[in-house]
Structures are given as structure tokens and as C-alpha cells.
């Protein structure tokens, strides 16, 4: 799971964060509460997950419980890869 988390963190910091602020982002920080990601950002994250981890995300899975932090995305990807 560490590789998943590192990949997700790299994507988030490269695409949504101001340079130098990546150390401030905890794995449990809500992207929405921090104002990092909007609805278009969610679509970018979905595209990244589907391409990087080779599975499709259903509309039913497009929930903050799955996609609103590095920790939640890591767990979501791990569950889908195991299943």
C-alpha cells in the first residue's frame, strides 16, 4: 500500500499544490476542506486512478468517502486491486 500512497501523493502534489507546500499535506487531509480540488479535479483524480492502477471506477464509487484524501484514495485503490 505504501507504493499506492506514494503514487497518489506525487500526483496530488504535482497537479494540485503550490510548490513547496507538499510537506503541509497530511494523508488524512480532506482535499475539499483544504480547497485543493474542485469537481474538475475529482475527474482528473479518477482518470489518474484508472490509468495508473488499471481498473474502472463506477459512478457509485464517486464519493468523498473514496476520493477525498490520500489515505481514502489509497484504501480505495487497495480494495479494488484486491477484488
PDB file of N, CA and C in Angstrom:
ATOM      1  N   UNK A   1       0.820  -1.201   0.000  1.00  0.00           N
ATOM      2  CA  UNK A   1       0.000   0.000   0.000  1.00  0.00           C
ATOM      3  C   UNK A   1       0.857   1.257   0.000  1.00  0.00           C
ATOM      4  N   UNK A   2       2.075   1.138   0.458  1.00  0.00           N
ATOM      5  CA  UNK A   2       2.961   2.303   0.502  1.00  0.00           C
ATOM      6  C   UNK A   2       3.214   2.846  -0.908  1.00  0.00           C
ATOM      7  N   UNK A   3       3.360   1.932  -1.889  1.00  0.00           N
ATOM      8  CA  UNK A   3       3.590   2.369  -3.269  1.00  0.00           C
ATOM      9  C   UNK A   3       2.381   3.129  -3.806  1.00  0.00           C
ATOM     10  N   UNK A   4       1.184   2.657  -3.444  1.00  0.00           N
ATOM     11  CA  UNK A   4      -0.040   3.335  -3.873  1.00  0.00           C
ATOM     12  C   UNK A   4      -0.062   4.741  -3.293  1.00  0.00           C
ATOM     13  N   UNK A   5       0.191   4.845  -1.989  1.00  0.00           N
ATOM     14  CA  UNK A   5       0.164   6.141  -1.327  1.00  0.00           C
ATOM     15  C   UNK A   5       1.190   7.097  -1.939  1.00  0.00           C
ATOM     16  N   UNK A   6       2.387   6.616  -2.210  1.00  0.00           N
ATOM     17  CA  UNK A   6       3.422   7.467  -2.790  1.00  0.00           C
ATOM     18  C   UNK A   6       3.024   7.951  -4.179  1.00  0.00           C
ATOM     19  N   UNK A   7       2.429   7.085  -4.965  1.00  0.00           N
ATOM     20  CA  UNK A   7       1.991   7.452  -6.310  1.00  0.00           C
ATOM     21  C   UNK A   7       0.876   8.494  -6.257  1.00  0.00           C
ATOM     22  N   UNK A   8      -0.084   8.288  -5.365  1.00  0.00           N
ATOM     23  CA  UNK A   8      -1.195   9.228  -5.209  1.00  0.00           C
ATOM     24  C   UNK A   8      -0.682  10.573  -4.716  1.00  0.00           C
ATOM     25  N   UNK A   9       0.179  10.552  -3.711  1.00  0.00           N
ATOM     26  CA  UNK A   9       0.735  11.799  -3.171  1.00  0.00           C
ATOM     27  C   UNK A   9       1.490  12.572  -4.260  1.00  0.00           C
ATOM     28  N   UNK A  10       2.281  11.879  -5.045  1.00  0.00           N
ATOM     29  CA  UNK A  10       3.030  12.533  -6.121  1.00  0.00           C
ATOM     30  C   UNK A  10       2.074  13.188  -7.120  1.00  0.00           C
ATOM     31  N   UNK A  11       1.019  12.482  -7.494  1.00  0.00           N
ATOM     32  CA  UNK A  11       0.051  13.039  -8.433  1.00  0.00           C
ATOM     33  C   UNK A  11      -0.613  14.288  -7.860  1.00  0.00           C
ATOM     34  N   UNK A  12      -1.050  14.212  -6.618  1.00  0.00           N
ATOM     35  CA  UNK A  12      -1.731  15.349  -5.985  1.00  0.00           C
ATOM     36  C   UNK A  12      -0.792  16.549  -5.884  1.00  0.00           C
ATOM     37  N   UNK A  13       0.425  16.317  -5.423  1.00  0.00           N
ATOM     38  CA  UNK A  13       1.342  17.451  -5.244  1.00  0.00           C
ATOM     39  C   UNK A  13       1.744  18.063  -6.584  1.00  0.00           C
ATOM     40  N   UNK A  14       1.921  17.244  -7.610  1.00  0.00           N
ATOM     41  CA  UNK A  14       2.309  17.761  -8.921  1.00  0.00           C
ATOM     42  C   UNK A  14       1.175  18.516  -9.603  1.00  0.00           C
ATOM     43  N   UNK A  15      -0.057  18.100  -9.366  1.00  0.00           N
ATOM     44  CA  UNK A  15      -1.174  18.653 -10.124  1.00  0.00           C
ATOM     45  C   UNK A  15      -2.043  19.662  -9.381  1.00  0.00           C
ATOM     46  N   UNK A  16      -2.006  19.651  -8.050  1.00  0.00           N
ATOM     47  CA  UNK A  16      -2.948  20.485  -7.311  1.00  0.00           C
ATOM     48  C   UNK A  16      -2.328  21.386  -6.248  1.00  0.00           C
ATOM     49  N   UNK A  17      -1.040  21.256  -6.007  1.00  0.00           N
ATOM     50  CA  UNK A  17      -0.451  22.011  -4.902  1.00  0.00           C
ATOM     51  C   UNK A  17       0.549  23.041  -5.392  1.00  0.00           C
ATOM     52  N   UNK A  18       0.651  24.110  -4.634  1.00  0.00           N
ATOM     53  CA  UNK A  18       1.647  25.131  -4.898  1.00  0.00           C
ATOM     54  C   UNK A  18       3.001  24.571  -4.492  1.00  0.00           C
ATOM     55  N   UNK A  19       4.014  24.819  -5.266  1.00  0.00           N
ATOM     56  CA  UNK A  19       5.352  24.313  -4.979  1.00  0.00           C
ATOM     57  C   UNK A  19       5.793  24.689  -3.567  1.00  0.00           C
ATOM     58  N   UNK A  20       6.324  23.706  -2.867  1.00  0.00           N
ATOM     59  CA  UNK A  20       6.824  23.941  -1.516  1.00  0.00           C
ATOM     60  C   UNK A  20       5.830  23.653  -0.413  1.00  0.00           C
ATOM     61  N   UNK A  21       4.561  23.434  -0.764  1.00  0.00           N
ATOM     62  CA  UNK A  21       3.550  23.213   0.271  1.00  0.00           C
ATOM     63  C   UNK A  21       3.226  21.736   0.484  1.00  0.00           C
ATOM     64  N   UNK A  22       3.897  20.853  -0.256  1.00  0.00           N
ATOM     65  CA  UNK A  22       3.558  19.431  -0.152  1.00  0.00           C
ATOM     66  C   UNK A  22       3.816  18.854   1.228  1.00  0.00           C
ATOM     67  N   UNK A  23       4.765  19.409   1.964  1.00  0.00           N
ATOM     68  CA  UNK A  23       5.036  18.885   3.308  1.00  0.00           C
ATOM     69  C   UNK A  23       3.893  19.196   4.270  1.00  0.00           C
ATOM     70  N   UNK A  24       3.068  20.160   3.919  1.00  0.00           N
ATOM     71  CA  UNK A  24       1.946  20.539   4.769  1.00  0.00           C
ATOM     72  C   UNK A  24       0.748  19.597   4.620  1.00  0.00           C
ATOM     73  N   UNK A  25       0.704  18.817   3.558  1.00  0.00           N
ATOM     74  CA  UNK A  25      -0.443  17.949   3.291  1.00  0.00           C
ATOM     75  C   UNK A  25      -0.285  16.615   4.008  1.00  0.00           C
ATOM     76  N   UNK A  26      -1.173  16.365   4.966  1.00  0.00           N
ATOM     77  CA  UNK A  26      -1.191  15.079   5.659  1.00  0.00           C
ATOM     78  C   UNK A  26      -2.011  14.094   4.829  1.00  0.00           C
ATOM     79  N   UNK A  27      -1.772  12.826   5.023  1.00  0.00           N
ATOM     80  CA  UNK A  27      -2.504  11.794   4.285  1.00  0.00           C
ATOM     81  C   UNK A  27      -3.996  11.830   4.567  1.00  0.00           C
ATOM     82  N   UNK A  28      -4.362  12.330   5.734  1.00  0.00           N
ATOM     83  CA  UNK A  28      -5.775  12.357   6.122  1.00  0.00           C
ATOM     84  C   UNK A  28      -6.472  13.680   5.810  1.00  0.00           C
ATOM     85  N   UNK A  29      -5.735  14.667   5.307  1.00  0.00           N
ATOM     86  CA  UNK A  29      -6.344  15.971   5.000  1.00  0.00           C
ATOM     87  C   UNK A  29      -7.380  15.848   3.888  1.00  0.00           C
ATOM     88  N   UNK A  30      -8.537  16.444   4.110  1.00  0.00           N
ATOM     89  CA  UNK A  30      -9.605  16.470   3.112  1.00  0.00           C
ATOM     90  C   UNK A  30      -9.239  17.452   2.003  1.00  0.00           C
ATOM     91  N   UNK A  31      -9.255  16.972   0.766  1.00  0.00           N
ATOM     92  CA  UNK A  31      -8.984  17.839  -0.378  1.00  0.00           C
ATOM     93  C   UNK A  31     -10.034  18.937  -0.479  1.00  0.00           C
ATOM     94  N   UNK A  32     -11.285  18.575  -0.222  1.00  0.00           N
ATOM     95  CA  UNK A  32     -12.377  19.546  -0.328  1.00  0.00           C
ATOM     96  C   UNK A  32     -12.282  20.613   0.753  1.00  0.00           C
ATOM     97  N   UNK A  33     -12.033  20.197   1.991  1.00  0.00           N
ATOM     98  CA  UNK A  33     -11.920  21.157   3.092  1.00  0.00           C
ATOM     99  C   UNK A  33     -10.725  22.081   2.916  1.00  0.00           C
ATOM    100  N   UNK A  34      -9.631  21.572   2.348  1.00  0.00           N
ATOM    101  CA  UNK A  34      -8.438  22.388   2.112  1.00  0.00           C
ATOM    102  C   UNK A  34      -8.578  23.258   0.864  1.00  0.00           C
ATOM    103  N   UNK A  35      -9.629  23.006   0.080  1.00  0.00           N
ATOM    104  CA  UNK A  35      -9.819  23.772  -1.143  1.00  0.00           C
ATOM    105  C   UNK A  35      -8.837  23.416  -2.248  1.00  0.00           C
ATOM    106  N   UNK A  36      -8.273  22.227  -2.192  1.00  0.00           N
ATOM    107  CA  UNK A  36      -7.296  21.798  -3.200  1.00  0.00           C
ATOM    108  C   UNK A  36      -7.942  21.362  -4.500  1.00  0.00           C
ATOM    109  N   UNK A  37      -9.103  20.721  -4.383  1.00  0.00           N
ATOM    110  CA  UNK A  37      -9.688  20.055  -5.545  1.00  0.00           C
ATOM    111  C   UNK A  37     -11.150  20.429  -5.683  1.00  0.00           C
ATOM    112  N   UNK A  38     -11.542  20.742  -6.919  1.00  0.00           N
ATOM    113  CA  UNK A  38     -12.942  21.008  -7.227  1.00  0.00           C
ATOM    114  C   UNK A  38     -13.482  19.832  -8.049  1.00  0.00           C
ATOM    115  N   UNK A  39     -14.648  19.981  -8.630  1.00  0.00           N
ATOM    116  CA  UNK A  39     -15.252  18.872  -9.370  1.00  0.00           C
ATOM    117  C   UNK A  39     -14.403  18.449 -10.567  1.00  0.00           C
ATOM    118  N   UNK A  40     -13.756  19.397 -11.225  1.00  0.00           N
ATOM    119  CA  UNK A  40     -12.863  19.038 -12.332  1.00  0.00           C
ATOM    120  C   UNK A  40     -11.648  18.266 -11.809  1.00  0.00           C
ATOM    121  N   UNK A  41     -11.171  18.651 -10.634  1.00  0.00           N
ATOM    122  CA  UNK A  41     -10.055  17.944 -10.024  1.00  0.00           C
ATOM    123  C   UNK A  41     -10.400  16.500  -9.704  1.00  0.00           C
ATOM    124  N   UNK A  42     -11.630  16.281  -9.274  1.00  0.00           N
ATOM    125  CA  UNK A  42     -12.079  14.911  -8.996  1.00  0.00           C
ATOM    126  C   UNK A  42     -11.999  14.071 -10.268  1.00  0.00           C
ATOM    127  N   UNK A  43     -12.409  14.653 -11.386  1.00  0.00           N
ATOM    128  CA  UNK A  43     -12.335  13.920 -12.661  1.00  0.00           C
ATOM    129  C   UNK A  43     -10.891  13.614 -13.036  1.00  0.00           C
ATOM    130  N   UNK A  44      -9.986  14.549 -12.763  1.00  0.00           N
ATOM    131  CA  UNK A  44      -8.564  14.295 -13.020  1.00  0.00           C
ATOM    132  C   UNK A  44      -8.045  13.158 -12.144  1.00  0.00           C
ATOM    133  N   UNK A  45      -8.461  13.135 -10.887  1.00  0.00           N
ATOM    134  CA  UNK A  45      -8.048  12.057  -9.983  1.00  0.00           C
ATOM    135  C   UNK A  45      -8.586  10.721 -10.478  1.00  0.00           C
ATOM    136  N   UNK A  46      -9.838  10.693 -10.905  1.00  0.00           N
ATOM    137  CA  UNK A  46     -10.434   9.458 -11.422  1.00  0.00           C
ATOM    138  C   UNK A  46      -9.655   8.970 -12.642  1.00  0.00           C
ATOM    139  N   UNK A  47      -9.344   9.882 -13.571  1.00  0.00           N
ATOM    140  CA  UNK A  47      -8.563   9.499 -14.752  1.00  0.00           C
ATOM    141  C   UNK A  47      -7.203   8.931 -14.348  1.00  0.00           C
ATOM    142  N   UNK A  48      -6.562   9.588 -13.394  1.00  0.00           N
ATOM    143  CA  UNK A  48      -5.264   9.114 -12.905  1.00  0.00           C
ATOM    144  C   UNK A  48      -5.374   7.714 -12.311  1.00  0.00           C
ATOM    145  N   UNK A  49      -6.340   7.506 -11.433  1.00  0.00           N
ATOM    146  CA  UNK A  49      -6.500   6.197 -10.782  1.00  0.00           C
ATOM    147  C   UNK A  49      -6.747   5.117 -11.821  1.00  0.00           C
ATOM    148  N   UNK A  50      -7.658   5.382 -12.749  1.00  0.00           N
ATOM    149  CA  UNK A  50      -7.984   4.367 -13.766  1.00  0.00           C
ATOM    150  C   UNK A  50      -6.775   4.031 -14.628  1.00  0.00           C
ATOM    151  N   UNK A  51      -5.988   5.038 -15.005  1.00  0.00           N
ATOM    152  CA  UNK A  51      -4.808   4.794 -15.840  1.00  0.00           C
ATOM    153  C   UNK A  51      -3.675   4.150 -15.048  1.00  0.00           C
ATOM    154  N   UNK A  52      -3.419   4.652 -13.862  1.00  0.00           N
ATOM    155  CA  UNK A  52      -2.281   4.193 -13.060  1.00  0.00           C
ATOM    156  C   UNK A  52      -2.483   2.791 -12.487  1.00  0.00           C
ATOM    157  N   UNK A  53      -3.720   2.492 -12.081  1.00  0.00           N
ATOM    158  CA  UNK A  53      -3.966   1.248 -11.352  1.00  0.00           C
ATOM    159  C   UNK A  53      -4.838   0.255 -12.118  1.00  0.00           C
ATOM    160  N   UNK A  54      -5.165   0.574 -13.351  1.00  0.00           N
ATOM    161  CA  UNK A  54      -5.812  -0.345 -14.297  1.00  0.00           C
ATOM    162  C   UNK A  54      -7.139  -0.932 -13.826  1.00  0.00           C
ATOM    163  N   UNK A  55      -8.026  -0.071 -13.347  1.00  0.00           N
ATOM    164  CA  UNK A  55      -9.400  -0.503 -13.105  1.00  0.00           C
ATOM    165  C   UNK A  55     -10.326   0.689 -13.319  1.00  0.00           C
ATOM    166  N   UNK A  56     -11.577   0.396 -13.621  1.00  0.00           N
ATOM    167  CA  UNK A  56     -12.565   1.442 -13.853  1.00  0.00           C
ATOM    168  C   UNK A  56     -13.305   1.767 -12.571  1.00  0.00           C
ATOM    169  N   UNK A  57     -13.606   3.030 -12.401  1.00  0.00           N
ATOM    170  CA  UNK A  57     -14.347   3.486 -11.232  1.00  0.00           C
ATOM    171  C   UNK A  57     -15.787   3.717 -11.646  1.00  0.00           C
ATOM    172  N   UNK A  58     -16.707   3.053 -10.959  1.00  0.00           N
ATOM    173  CA  UNK A  58     -18.126   3.202 -11.279  1.00  0.00           C
ATOM    174  C   UNK A  58     -18.659   4.514 -10.710  1.00  0.00           C
ATOM    175  N   UNK A  59     -19.761   4.966 -11.256  1.00  0.00           N
ATOM    176  CA  UNK A  59     -20.395   6.194 -10.766  1.00  0.00           C
ATOM    177  C   UNK A  59     -20.739   6.084  -9.285  1.00  0.00           C
ATOM    178  N   UNK A  60     -21.114   4.887  -8.838  1.00  0.00           N
ATOM    179  CA  UNK A  60     -21.479   4.676  -7.442  1.00  0.00           C
ATOM    180  C   UNK A  60     -20.289   4.864  -6.496  1.00  0.00           C
ATOM    181  N   UNK A  61     -19.076   4.741  -7.036  1.00  0.00           N
ATOM    182  CA  UNK A  61     -17.871   4.883  -6.217  1.00  0.00           C
ATOM    183  C   UNK A  61     -17.325   6.310  -6.185  1.00  0.00           C
ATOM    184  N   UNK A  62     -17.955   7.214  -6.920  1.00  0.00           N
ATOM    185  CA  UNK A  62     -17.503   8.614  -6.953  1.00  0.00           C
ATOM    186  C   UNK A  62     -18.030   9.351  -5.724  1.00  0.00           C
ATOM    187  N   UNK A  63     -17.479   8.995  -4.590  1.00  0.00           N
ATOM    188  CA  UNK A  63     -17.910   9.533  -3.307  1.00  0.00           C
ATOM    189  C   UNK A  63     -16.720  10.117  -2.550  1.00  0.00           C
ATOM    190  N   UNK A  64     -16.961  11.129  -1.728  1.00  0.00           N
ATOM    191  CA  UNK A  64     -15.877  11.662  -0.899  1.00  0.00           C
ATOM    192  C   UNK A  64     -15.252  10.585  -0.014  1.00  0.00           C
ATOM    193  N   UNK A  65     -16.036   9.598   0.396  1.00  0.00           N
ATOM    194  CA  UNK A  65     -15.520   8.521   1.244  1.00  0.00           C
ATOM    195  C   UNK A  65     -14.423   7.722   0.544  1.00  0.00           C
ATOM    196  N   UNK A  66     -14.352   7.817  -0.775  1.00  0.00           N
ATOM    197  CA  UNK A  66     -13.341   7.091  -1.539  1.00  0.00           C
ATOM    198  C   UNK A  66     -12.235   7.999  -2.081  1.00  0.00           C
ATOM    199  N   UNK A  67     -12.526   9.287  -2.275  1.00  0.00           N
ATOM    200  CA  UNK A  67     -11.624  10.126  -3.063  1.00  0.00           C
ATOM    201  C   UNK A  67     -11.210  11.445  -2.418  1.00  0.00           C
ATOM    202  N   UNK A  68     -11.492  11.667  -1.138  1.00  0.00           N
ATOM    203  CA  UNK A  68     -11.285  12.990  -0.557  1.00  0.00           C
ATOM    204  C   UNK A  68      -9.984  13.166   0.233  1.00  0.00           C
ATOM    205  N   UNK A  69      -9.097  12.202   0.203  1.00  0.00           N
ATOM    206  CA  UNK A  69      -7.787  12.362   0.846  1.00  0.00           C
ATOM    207  C   UNK A  69      -6.849  11.303   0.276  1.00  0.00           C
ATOM    208  N   UNK A  70      -5.587  11.493   0.519  1.00  0.00           N
ATOM    209  CA  UNK A  70      -4.608  10.500   0.067  1.00  0.00           C
ATOM    210  C   UNK A  70      -4.894   9.156   0.734  1.00  0.00           C
ATOM    211  N   UNK A  71      -5.194   9.176   2.020  1.00  0.00           N
ATOM    212  CA  UNK A  71      -5.481   7.945   2.753  1.00  0.00           C
ATOM    213  C   UNK A  71      -6.711   7.227   2.185  1.00  0.00           C
ATOM    214  N   UNK A  72      -7.778   7.974   1.915  1.00  0.00           N
ATOM    215  CA  UNK A  72      -9.001   7.367   1.383  1.00  0.00           C
ATOM    216  C   UNK A  72      -8.784   6.793  -0.018  1.00  0.00           C
ATOM    217  N   UNK A  73      -8.052   7.508  -0.869  1.00  0.00           N
ATOM    218  CA  UNK A  73      -7.766   7.006  -2.215  1.00  0.00           C
ATOM    219  C   UNK A  73      -6.909   5.754  -2.138  1.00  0.00           C
ATOM    220  N   UNK A  74      -5.908   5.755  -1.270  1.00  0.00           N
ATOM    221  CA  UNK A  74      -5.029   4.593  -1.118  1.00  0.00           C
ATOM    222  C   UNK A  74      -5.833   3.361  -0.716  1.00  0.00           C
ATOM    223  N   UNK A  75      -6.714   3.496   0.255  1.00  0.00           N
ATOM    224  CA  UNK A  75      -7.549   2.373   0.701  1.00  0.00           C
ATOM    225  C   UNK A  75      -8.500   1.931  -0.411  1.00  0.00           C
ATOM    226  N   UNK A  76      -9.083   2.882  -1.118  1.00  0.00           N
ATOM    227  CA  UNK A  76      -9.998   2.576  -2.218  1.00  0.00           C
ATOM    228  C   UNK A  76      -9.286   1.795  -3.315  1.00  0.00           C
ATOM    229  N   UNK A  77      -8.115   2.236  -3.704  1.00  0.00           N
ATOM    230  CA  UNK A  77      -7.355   1.549  -4.744  1.00  0.00           C
ATOM    231  C   UNK A  77      -6.962   0.144  -4.269  1.00  0.00           C
ATOM    232  N   UNK A  78      -6.499   0.023  -3.034  1.00  0.00           N
ATOM    233  CA  UNK A  78      -6.107  -1.283  -2.499  1.00  0.00           C
ATOM    234  C   UNK A  78      -7.285  -2.252  -2.504  1.00  0.00           C
ATOM    235  N   UNK A  79      -8.469  -1.773  -2.111  1.00  0.00           N
ATOM    236  CA  UNK A  79      -9.662  -2.635  -2.127  1.00  0.00           C
ATOM    237  C   UNK A  79     -10.005  -3.092  -3.538  1.00  0.00           C
ATOM    238  N   UNK A  80      -9.934  -2.203  -4.481  1.00  0.00           N
ATOM    239  CA  UNK A  80     -10.281  -2.540  -5.861  1.00  0.00           C
ATOM    240  C   UNK A  80      -9.260  -3.409  -6.544  1.00  0.00           C
ATOM    241  N   UNK A  81      -8.013  -3.252  -6.206  1.00  0.00           N
ATOM    242  CA  UNK A  81      -6.982  -4.110  -6.781  1.00  0.00           C
ATOM    243  C   UNK A  81      -7.041  -5.510  -6.199  1.00  0.00           C
ATOM    244  N   UNK A  82      -7.431  -5.609  -4.938  1.00  0.00           N
ATOM    245  CA  UNK A  82      -7.536  -6.928  -4.291  1.00  0.00           C
ATOM    246  C   UNK A  82      -8.767  -7.676  -4.776  1.00  0.00           C
ATOM    247  N   UNK A  83      -9.805  -6.928  -5.121  1.00  0.00           N
ATOM    248  CA  UNK A  83     -11.075  -7.534  -5.530  1.00  0.00           C
ATOM    249  C   UNK A  83     -11.060  -7.918  -6.967  1.00  0.00           C
TER     250      UNK A  83
END
